[in-house]
Amino acid sequence: MKKQLSNQELYSEVEKVICNVFRLSGSAVRPDTTLVGDLGAESIDFLDLGCDLEKIVDAEVDFRKLFQEKRAQSEGNGVLDVTVQEVVDYLKAQTETEVAAAIVQ
C-alpha cells in the first residue's frame, strides 16, 4: 500500500494525469474544470484516466461509481459531468476506504 497523499499532493497528481491524457498544460486544469464539458472526455479517456489514477492511489478507480453518486445527487437534472475536484474527492474517499479495510484485517 502506498503512503497517504495530502489533498494538495493528490490534486497535483490528478492534474498531471489529466494533462497527460488530454495533452494539456497544467494551467488549463482547475478544480472546477469538467471532464466531459470542458475537456471533451469520452469513454476511452475514462479508461486511460482510471488506469493511470489507480497507479497513484493503489486502489480501484471506477468512474461508473462516481457518476452513479453524482446522478443520485442531481435528481436527474441536466447532463452528468464531474469536475477535477470531484475526482480528487472520490480518490481520497477510495484511498481512505482501502486504508480502513487494511487496518481491520
Protein backbone atom coordinates (compact mmCIF):
# COMPACT_ATOMS: atom_id res chain seq x y z
CA MET A 1 0.00 0.00 0.00
CA LYS A 2 1.31 3.43 -0.93
CA LYS A 3 1.57 6.29 1.53
CA GLN A 4 -1.40 8.56 2.02
CA LEU A 5 -1.15 11.67 -0.11
CA SER A 6 -2.18 15.05 1.22
CA ASN A 7 -5.07 16.76 -0.56
CA GLN A 8 -2.64 19.04 -2.40
CA GLU A 9 -0.37 16.16 -3.41
CA LEU A 10 -3.34 14.16 -4.64
CA TYR A 11 -4.69 17.14 -6.60
CA SER A 12 -1.26 17.66 -8.17
CA GLU A 13 -1.04 14.01 -9.21
CA VAL A 14 -4.56 14.05 -10.66
CA GLU A 15 -3.74 17.24 -12.54
CA LYS A 16 -0.63 15.61 -14.05
CA VAL A 17 -2.61 12.57 -15.18
CA ILE A 18 -5.35 14.71 -16.72
CA CYS A 19 -2.79 16.88 -18.51
CA ASN A 20 -1.09 13.76 -19.85
CA VAL A 21 -4.30 12.06 -21.04
CA PHE A 22 -5.73 15.19 -22.65
CA ARG A 23 -2.35 16.66 -23.72
CA LEU A 24 -2.85 19.91 -21.80
CA SER A 25 -0.69 22.31 -19.88
CA GLY A 26 -1.23 22.48 -16.13
CA SER A 27 -2.71 25.95 -16.39
CA ALA A 28 -5.62 24.54 -18.42
CA VAL A 29 -6.81 22.46 -15.47
CA ARG A 30 -8.60 23.98 -12.48
CA PRO A 31 -10.60 22.32 -9.71
CA ASP A 32 -13.87 23.28 -11.43
CA THR A 33 -12.80 22.02 -14.88
CA THR A 34 -15.30 19.40 -16.04
CA LEU A 35 -14.08 16.26 -17.74
CA VAL A 36 -16.82 15.95 -20.35
CA GLY A 37 -17.95 19.53 -20.87
CA ASP A 38 -14.60 21.31 -20.71
CA LEU A 39 -12.16 18.59 -21.78
CA GLY A 40 -14.40 16.54 -24.09
CA ALA A 41 -13.71 13.26 -22.29
CA GLU A 42 -15.01 10.11 -23.94
CA SER A 43 -15.20 6.56 -22.65
CA ILE A 44 -11.64 5.70 -23.76
CA ASP A 45 -10.37 8.74 -21.87
CA PHE A 46 -12.02 7.48 -18.69
CA LEU A 47 -10.30 4.11 -19.15
CA ASP A 48 -6.93 5.82 -19.55
CA LEU A 49 -7.59 8.10 -16.57
CA GLY A 50 -8.72 5.18 -14.42
CA CYS A 51 -5.63 3.10 -15.18
CA ASP A 52 -3.24 5.98 -14.52
CA LEU A 53 -5.02 7.07 -11.34
CA GLU A 54 -5.06 3.52 -9.95
CA LYS A 55 -1.26 3.55 -10.08
CA ILE A 56 -1.21 6.70 -7.95
CA VAL A 57 -3.71 5.74 -5.27
CA ASP A 58 -3.18 1.97 -5.31
CA ALA A 59 -6.95 1.48 -5.22
CA GLU A 60 -9.69 0.68 -7.70
CA VAL A 61 -10.91 3.68 -9.69
CA ASP A 62 -14.37 3.12 -11.09
CA PHE A 63 -15.79 6.20 -12.78
CA ARG A 64 -19.18 4.45 -13.04
CA LYS A 65 -19.48 4.68 -9.25
CA LEU A 66 -18.58 8.35 -9.32
CA PHE A 67 -21.19 9.07 -11.98
CA GLN A 68 -23.79 6.98 -10.13
CA GLU A 69 -23.19 9.03 -6.97
CA LYS A 70 -23.45 12.23 -8.99
CA ARG A 71 -26.68 11.04 -10.66
CA ALA A 72 -28.20 10.25 -7.28
CA GLN A 73 -27.35 13.75 -6.04
CA SER A 74 -28.56 15.56 -9.18
CA GLU A 75 -32.06 14.04 -9.13
CA GLY A 76 -31.98 13.69 -12.91
CA ASN A 77 -31.36 17.38 -13.60
CA GLY A 78 -29.17 18.07 -16.63
CA VAL A 79 -26.21 16.33 -18.21
CA LEU A 80 -23.92 14.48 -15.87
CA ASP A 81 -20.35 15.62 -15.64
CA VAL A 82 -17.66 15.61 -12.98
CA THR A 83 -15.09 18.20 -12.05
CA VAL A 84 -11.43 17.66 -11.37
CA GLN A 85 -12.08 18.37 -7.68
CA GLU A 86 -14.82 15.73 -7.58
CA VAL A 87 -12.35 13.22 -8.99
CA VAL A 88 -9.84 14.18 -6.29
CA ASP A 89 -12.52 13.87 -3.58
CA TYR A 90 -13.59 10.48 -4.94
CA LEU A 91 -9.99 9.22 -4.96
CA LYS A 92 -9.45 10.48 -1.43
CA ALA A 93 -12.54 8.58 -0.28
CA GLN A 94 -11.38 5.46 -2.13
CA THR A 95 -7.95 5.51 -0.50
CA GLU A 96 -9.43 6.13 2.94
CA THR A 97 -11.71 3.11 2.42
CA GLU A 98 -8.73 0.98 1.38
CA VAL A 99 -6.73 2.10 4.43
CA ALA A 100 -9.65 1.39 6.78
CA ALA A 101 -10.07 -2.08 5.26
CA ALA A 102 -6.36 -2.82 5.67
CA ILE A 103 -6.48 -1.78 9.34
CA VAL A 104 -9.45 -4.05 10.04
CA GLN A 105 -7.64 -7.05 8.55
